[in-house]
């Protein structure tokens, strides 16, 4: 039985665990905390699984497919690993821990979400993911600590000034502007005969019928009632109603015609591929731009998202600069440096 909901995220935060150094190849120490070859392999397996790649790390080391896959994922893995270690260490300095009650609550939620009813089933599910209860608690605690540090040390200190909001509003005005819309009613008179063959008599008859219907509408007969009775369009079931439609989605010819109409006007018969069409303009709403004070909350959310990423990266850079990082493997160090280059080159959100 697999954890289908929370466990995949937990598997991606498998981290360094102090263990007997004679049994493990240490790749890096961060403020004395070790990250081993086993830790790296666990993260690589989880990352490959998330990408849908079932590659055995124990296979031929000269396997080109395996080497390519690892070269792609390892730089980011090492950046994430170092960042996680320094931020969790900072959280522990601040006294953050996972209480027994919090751990029990999370476990109960995992069991409920995955329909695990007995302790035996839960232990089997842990075993299938190569986790012990201690592993699960450790990973949950590190994840919780990381989130609390981000919230209290970074996000809680981010604000959006009126000047920043105004600047965003002015440069993204289209995001807060709704184009004009129109609501129409139609009556369609189709042209009889084979539509692939031009039949002048049938065309003229349809046009004459459309003109007669318009005359009735202009004479005071209810357009909705006429549409329901005489229209050949499926819209007759809704009394000819069309819309509301964005004016930007209309053809230039139709937009030009509507621009010359006011609510209640009925157009002259227009020849279309379907026949002769009469249109009544029901309503037209003008372009509407949300004022800055009404858009302030949306702007704050969008600006906050951009600032959060930038401020979090600055915070991590500060923690890294204060940490004592001792590299024990040159290849892993190069992977980390490559990951940092990729992060620096990534476009801001």
Protein backbone atom coordinates (compact mmCIF):
# COMPACT_ATOMS: atom_id res chain seq x y z
CA UNK A 1 0.00 0.00 0.00
CA UNK A 2 1.39 3.41 -1.00
CA UNK A 3 0.86 6.81 0.55
CA UNK A 4 -0.95 8.56 -2.29
CA UNK A 5 -1.25 12.04 -0.88
CA UNK A 6 1.28 13.38 1.62
CA UNK A 7 4.13 10.94 1.26
CA UNK A 8 5.41 11.97 -2.20
CA UNK A 9 6.14 15.44 -0.83
CA UNK A 10 7.77 13.96 2.26
CA UNK A 11 10.01 11.75 0.14
CA UNK A 12 11.44 14.85 -1.52
CA UNK A 13 12.72 16.19 1.80
CA UNK A 14 14.83 13.18 2.74
CA UNK A 15 17.86 14.79 4.31
CA UNK A 16 21.11 14.25 6.06
CA UNK A 17 20.95 12.07 9.17
CA UNK A 18 23.90 11.70 11.58
CA UNK A 19 25.26 8.18 11.31
CA UNK A 20 28.48 6.26 11.78
CA UNK A 21 30.93 7.85 9.36
CA UNK A 22 32.85 4.63 8.82
CA UNK A 23 29.74 3.15 7.18
CA UNK A 24 28.89 6.11 4.97
CA UNK A 25 30.67 8.16 2.34
CA UNK A 26 30.26 11.76 3.49
CA UNK A 27 29.81 14.19 0.60
CA UNK A 28 29.54 17.46 2.51
CA UNK A 29 29.29 18.81 6.05
CA UNK A 30 27.19 21.90 6.78
CA UNK A 31 27.84 23.32 10.24
CA UNK A 32 28.83 19.82 11.27
CA UNK A 33 25.71 18.12 9.88
CA UNK A 34 26.58 15.49 7.31
CA UNK A 35 25.10 14.75 3.91
CA UNK A 36 26.08 11.30 2.64
CA UNK A 37 26.10 9.34 -0.57
CA UNK A 38 23.02 7.45 0.67
CA UNK A 39 21.22 10.75 1.27
CA UNK A 40 22.02 11.86 -2.27
CA UNK A 41 20.88 8.54 -3.75
CA UNK A 42 17.58 8.73 -1.86
CA UNK A 43 16.94 12.18 -3.28
CA UNK A 44 17.95 11.08 -6.77
CA UNK A 45 15.57 8.12 -6.63
CA UNK A 46 12.72 10.35 -5.44
CA UNK A 47 13.42 12.93 -8.17
CA UNK A 48 13.59 10.30 -10.90
CA UNK A 49 10.36 8.74 -9.63
CA UNK A 50 8.64 12.12 -9.72
CA UNK A 51 9.76 12.53 -13.36
CA UNK A 52 8.33 9.11 -14.14
CA UNK A 53 11.75 7.56 -14.76
CA UNK A 54 12.38 4.11 -13.32
CA UNK A 55 16.18 4.02 -13.48
CA UNK A 56 18.19 1.73 -11.20
CA UNK A 57 21.07 3.62 -9.58
CA UNK A 58 22.85 0.29 -9.06
CA UNK A 59 22.96 -0.42 -12.78
CA UNK A 60 26.03 -0.06 -14.99
CA UNK A 61 27.77 3.21 -14.00
CA UNK A 62 28.63 3.72 -17.66
CA UNK A 63 24.93 3.66 -18.59
CA UNK A 64 24.58 6.80 -20.75
CA UNK A 65 20.87 7.21 -20.00
CA UNK A 66 21.46 7.02 -16.24
CA UNK A 67 24.40 9.42 -16.40
CA UNK A 68 22.40 11.94 -18.42
CA UNK A 69 19.43 11.74 -16.04
CA UNK A 70 21.65 12.22 -12.98
CA UNK A 71 23.53 15.11 -14.57
CA UNK A 72 20.20 16.85 -15.11
CA UNK A 73 18.77 16.45 -11.62
CA UNK A 74 21.78 16.44 -9.29
CA UNK A 75 22.65 20.18 -9.44
CA UNK A 76 19.19 21.18 -8.21
CA UNK A 77 19.18 18.35 -5.67
CA UNK A 78 22.39 19.62 -4.10
CA UNK A 79 21.17 23.22 -3.98
CA UNK A 80 17.95 22.07 -2.32
CA UNK A 81 19.85 19.86 0.12
CA UNK A 82 22.22 22.60 1.28
CA UNK A 83 19.40 25.14 1.49
CA UNK A 84 17.28 22.75 3.51
CA UNK A 85 20.08 22.01 5.93
CA UNK A 86 20.85 25.68 6.66
CA UNK A 87 17.20 26.66 6.99
CA UNK A 88 16.34 23.73 9.29
CA UNK A 89 19.39 24.52 11.39
CA UNK A 90 18.16 28.11 11.64
CA UNK A 91 14.73 26.86 12.69
CA UNK A 92 16.24 24.76 15.45
CA UNK A 93 18.16 27.81 16.66
CA UNK A 94 14.78 29.55 16.91
CA UNK A 95 13.41 26.64 18.95
CA UNK A 96 11.04 25.17 16.37
CA UNK A 97 10.11 21.52 16.92
CA UNK A 98 7.37 19.07 16.01
CA UNK A 99 5.40 18.13 19.13
CA UNK A 100 4.08 14.63 19.76
CA UNK A 101 0.53 15.92 19.31
CA UNK A 102 1.37 17.59 15.99
CA UNK A 103 3.05 14.43 14.73
CA UNK A 104 0.08 12.30 15.76
CA UNK A 105 -2.29 14.68 14.00
CA UNK A 106 -0.31 14.49 10.75
CA UNK A 107 -0.06 10.71 10.92
CA UNK A 108 -3.80 10.44 11.54
CA UNK A 109 -4.40 12.63 8.51
CA UNK A 110 -2.09 10.50 6.34
CA UNK A 111 -3.94 7.38 7.44
CA UNK A 112 -7.32 8.96 6.76
CA UNK A 113 -6.35 10.31 3.33
CA UNK A 114 -4.92 6.93 2.29
CA UNK A 115 -7.68 4.83 3.92
CA UNK A 116 -5.20 3.04 6.20
CA UNK A 117 -7.16 1.54 9.07
CA UNK A 118 -4.67 -0.50 11.10
CA UNK A 119 -1.19 0.00 12.52
CA UNK A 120 -0.04 -3.04 10.57
CA UNK A 121 -1.19 -1.50 7.29
CA UNK A 122 0.55 1.76 8.17
CA UNK A 123 3.81 -0.01 8.95
CA UNK A 124 3.56 -1.91 5.66
CA UNK A 125 3.02 1.35 3.79
CA UNK A 126 6.07 2.87 5.47
CA UNK A 127 8.14 -0.18 4.61
CA UNK A 128 7.09 0.01 0.95
CA UNK A 129 8.60 3.51 0.88
CA UNK A 130 11.75 2.41 2.72
CA UNK A 131 10.76 4.53 5.73
CA UNK A 132 10.60 3.84 9.44
CA UNK A 133 8.36 5.76 11.84
CA UNK A 134 11.46 7.64 13.00
CA UNK A 135 12.27 8.55 9.38
CA UNK A 136 8.74 9.81 8.86
CA UNK A 137 8.82 11.96 11.98
CA UNK A 138 12.24 13.37 11.15
CA UNK A 139 11.17 14.29 7.61
CA UNK A 140 7.90 15.82 8.77
CA UNK A 141 9.69 17.85 11.41
CA UNK A 142 12.25 19.18 8.96
CA UNK A 143 9.50 20.10 6.50
CA UNK A 144 7.52 21.87 9.25
CA UNK A 145 10.58 23.74 10.52
CA UNK A 146 11.45 24.88 7.00
CA UNK A 147 7.93 26.20 6.45
CA UNK A 148 7.89 28.06 9.78
CA UNK A 149 11.24 29.71 9.09
CA UNK A 150 10.05 30.84 5.67
CA UNK A 151 6.82 32.19 7.12
CA UNK A 152 8.30 33.99 10.13
CA UNK A 153 11.70 35.04 8.83
CA UNK A 154 10.79 35.94 5.24
CA UNK A 155 7.12 36.19 4.33
CA UNK A 156 5.98 37.94 7.51
CA UNK A 157 8.46 40.72 6.78
CA UNK A 158 7.37 41.33 3.18
CA UNK A 159 5.07 44.23 2.50
CA UNK A 160 3.79 45.95 -0.63
CA UNK A 161 4.03 49.75 -0.60
CA UNK A 162 1.53 52.07 -2.25
CA UNK A 163 4.24 53.09 -4.70
CA UNK A 164 4.89 49.46 -5.70
CA UNK A 165 1.16 48.81 -6.09
CA UNK A 166 0.73 51.91 -8.28
CA UNK A 167 3.70 50.95 -10.44
CA UNK A 168 2.33 47.44 -10.98
CA UNK A 169 -1.16 48.78 -11.71
CA UNK A 170 0.09 51.25 -14.33
CA UNK A 171 2.23 48.67 -16.12
CA UNK A 172 -0.41 45.90 -16.04
CA UNK A 173 -3.56 47.93 -16.66
CA UNK A 174 -4.89 45.35 -19.11
CA UNK A 175 -5.14 42.82 -16.25
CA UNK A 176 -7.70 45.04 -14.55
CA UNK A 177 -9.62 46.07 -17.67
CA UNK A 178 -12.74 44.29 -18.91
CA UNK A 179 -13.48 44.83 -22.62
CA UNK A 180 -16.94 46.01 -23.71
CA UNK A 181 -19.61 43.34 -24.23
CA UNK A 182 -22.80 43.14 -26.27
CA UNK A 183 -25.93 41.06 -25.91
CA UNK A 184 -27.90 40.43 -29.11
CA UNK A 185 -30.96 38.62 -30.34
CA UNK A 186 -31.13 37.10 -33.80
CA UNK A 187 -33.63 35.91 -36.33
CA UNK A 188 -32.29 33.75 -39.14
CA UNK A 189 -34.00 33.05 -42.45
CA UNK A 190 -32.26 30.25 -44.30
CA UNK A 191 -32.09 30.07 -48.09
CA UNK A 192 -33.94 27.05 -49.49
CA UNK A 193 -32.47 24.52 -51.89
CA UNK A 194 -28.96 23.08 -52.20
CA UNK A 195 -26.56 25.43 -50.36
CA UNK A 196 -23.77 24.41 -52.78
CA UNK A 197 -25.76 25.68 -55.79
CA UNK A 198 -26.57 29.35 -56.26
CA UNK A 199 -30.36 29.71 -56.51
CA UNK A 200 -31.24 33.35 -57.20
CA UNK A 201 -34.96 32.86 -56.72
CA UNK A 202 -34.51 31.12 -53.34
CA UNK A 203 -32.06 33.79 -52.22
CA UNK A 204 -34.41 36.61 -53.14
CA UNK A 205 -37.30 34.87 -51.40
CA UNK A 206 -35.31 34.51 -48.20
CA UNK A 207 -34.25 38.14 -48.34
CA UNK A 208 -37.84 39.26 -48.88
CA UNK A 209 -38.99 37.18 -45.92
CA UNK A 210 -36.27 38.69 -43.71
CA UNK A 211 -37.30 42.21 -44.77
CA UNK A 212 -40.91 41.43 -43.94
CA UNK A 213 -39.95 40.14 -40.48
CA UNK A 214 -37.93 43.29 -39.83
CA UNK A 215 -40.89 45.40 -40.89
CA UNK A 216 -43.05 43.58 -38.34
CA UNK A 217 -40.43 44.15 -35.62
CA UNK A 218 -40.13 47.82 -36.50
CA UNK A 219 -43.91 48.04 -36.45
CA UNK A 220 -43.98 47.08 -32.80
CA UNK A 221 -44.16 43.31 -32.72
CA UNK A 222 -42.08 41.71 -29.96
CA UNK A 223 -38.69 40.61 -31.36
CA UNK A 224 -38.35 37.79 -28.85
CA UNK A 225 -41.74 36.40 -29.84
CA UNK A 226 -40.87 36.67 -33.53
CA UNK A 227 -37.56 34.88 -32.98
CA UNK A 228 -39.30 32.06 -31.15
CA UNK A 229 -41.86 31.66 -33.95
CA UNK A 230 -40.09 32.28 -37.27
CA UNK A 231 -36.31 32.01 -36.80
CA UNK A 232 -34.48 29.09 -38.44
CA UNK A 233 -31.60 29.30 -35.95
CA UNK A 234 -31.24 26.94 -32.96
CA UNK A 235 -31.20 30.10 -30.83
CA UNK A 236 -34.97 30.36 -31.37
CA UNK A 237 -35.30 28.05 -28.35
CA UNK A 238 -33.90 30.92 -26.29
CA UNK A 239 -35.87 33.64 -28.08
CA UNK A 240 -32.87 34.36 -30.29
CA UNK A 241 -30.59 35.35 -27.42
CA UNK A 242 -26.85 35.58 -28.19
CA UNK A 243 -24.29 36.67 -25.63
CA UNK A 244 -23.08 38.49 -23.80
CA UNK A 245 -20.15 38.56 -26.23
CA UNK A 246 -16.85 40.39 -25.92
CA UNK A 247 -16.69 43.10 -28.57
CA UNK A 248 -13.06 42.07 -29.14
CA UNK A 249 -14.27 38.66 -30.36
CA UNK A 250 -16.56 40.09 -33.06
CA UNK A 251 -15.64 40.46 -36.70
CA UNK A 252 -14.63 43.98 -37.81
CA UNK A 253 -17.77 44.24 -39.97
CA UNK A 254 -20.08 43.31 -37.10
CA UNK A 255 -18.28 45.65 -34.70
CA UNK A 256 -18.71 48.50 -37.19
CA UNK A 257 -22.41 47.79 -37.52
CA UNK A 258 -22.95 47.59 -33.74
CA UNK A 259 -21.06 50.85 -33.23
CA UNK A 260 -23.79 52.56 -35.28
CA UNK A 261 -26.65 51.04 -33.23
CA UNK A 262 -28.20 51.78 -29.86
CA UNK A 263 -30.06 49.44 -27.54
CA UNK A 264 -33.35 48.33 -29.13
CA UNK A 265 -32.25 48.87 -32.74
CA UNK A 266 -32.82 46.10 -35.30
CA UNK A 267 -30.33 45.70 -38.13
CA UNK A 268 -31.06 45.39 -41.83
CA UNK A 269 -30.99 41.77 -43.08
CA UNK A 270 -27.37 40.62 -43.42
CA UNK A 271 -26.37 37.88 -45.85
CA UNK A 272 -24.33 35.21 -44.07
CA UNK A 273 -23.28 31.69 -44.93
CA UNK A 274 -26.43 30.49 -43.13
CA UNK A 275 -28.88 32.82 -44.84
CA UNK A 276 -30.27 36.25 -43.93
CA UNK A 277 -29.82 37.35 -40.35
CA UNK A 278 -31.53 40.09 -38.38
CA UNK A 279 -29.88 41.32 -35.20
CA UNK A 280 -31.40 43.31 -32.36
CA UNK A 281 -29.02 45.05 -29.98
CA UNK A 282 -30.19 44.26 -26.46
CA UNK A 283 -27.45 45.79 -24.33
CA UNK A 284 -23.89 47.03 -24.65
CA UNK A 285 -21.54 47.50 -21.70
CA UNK A 286 -18.60 49.87 -22.04
CA UNK A 287 -14.97 49.12 -21.29
CA UNK A 288 -14.54 48.87 -17.54
CA UNK A 289 -11.25 49.42 -15.71
CA UNK A 290 -11.12 48.45 -12.05
CA UNK A 291 -9.88 51.41 -10.01
CA UNK A 292 -6.61 51.09 -8.13
CA UNK A 293 -8.22 50.97 -4.69
CA UNK A 294 -10.44 48.04 -5.74
CA UNK A 295 -7.51 46.24 -7.43
CA UNK A 296 -5.20 46.71 -4.42
CA UNK A 297 -5.72 43.23 -2.97
CA UNK A 298 -5.04 41.48 -6.28
CA UNK A 299 -1.99 43.65 -6.87
CA UNK A 300 -0.63 42.90 -3.39
CA UNK A 301 -0.91 39.15 -4.01
CA UNK A 302 0.91 39.36 -7.34
CA UNK A 303 3.66 41.69 -6.17
CA UNK A 304 4.03 39.66 -2.95
CA UNK A 305 4.59 36.47 -4.99
CA UNK A 306 7.43 38.10 -6.93
CA UNK A 307 8.99 39.63 -3.82
CA UNK A 308 8.68 36.39 -1.84
CA UNK A 309 10.90 34.50 -4.26
CA UNK A 310 13.49 37.27 -4.37
CA UNK A 311 13.53 37.77 -0.59
CA UNK A 312 13.67 34.03 0.10
CA UNK A 313 16.67 33.62 -2.21
CA UNK A 314 18.40 36.55 -0.45
CA UNK A 315 17.65 34.96 2.91
CA UNK A 316 19.11 31.62 1.79
CA UNK A 317 22.18 33.37 0.44
CA UNK A 318 22.68 34.97 3.84
CA UNK A 319 22.36 31.63 5.66
CA UNK A 320 24.78 29.96 3.24
CA UNK A 321 27.34 32.75 3.67
CA UNK A 322 27.21 32.29 7.45
CA UNK A 323 27.45 28.49 7.30
CA UNK A 324 30.62 26.42 7.46
CA UNK A 325 30.37 24.19 4.39
CA UNK A 326 33.04 21.50 4.09
CA UNK A 327 33.01 19.67 0.76
CA UNK A 328 34.29 16.09 0.83
CA UNK A 329 33.54 15.25 -2.82
CA UNK A 330 34.65 17.48 -5.69
CA UNK A 331 32.04 16.19 -8.17
CA UNK A 332 29.20 16.95 -5.77
CA UNK A 333 30.63 20.40 -5.11
CA UNK A 334 30.70 21.06 -8.86
CA UNK A 335 27.08 19.90 -9.13
CA UNK A 336 26.10 22.35 -6.39
CA UNK A 337 27.93 25.19 -8.14
CA UNK A 338 26.19 24.32 -11.40
CA UNK A 339 22.85 24.36 -9.59
CA UNK A 340 23.61 27.83 -8.23
CA UNK A 341 24.45 29.05 -11.74
CA UNK A 342 21.15 27.67 -13.03
CA UNK A 343 19.27 29.38 -10.20
CA UNK A 344 20.95 32.72 -10.92
CA UNK A 345 20.14 32.44 -14.63
CA UNK A 346 16.48 31.50 -14.07
CA UNK A 347 14.04 34.30 -14.95
CA UNK A 348 12.31 35.96 -12.03
CA UNK A 349 8.63 35.08 -11.57
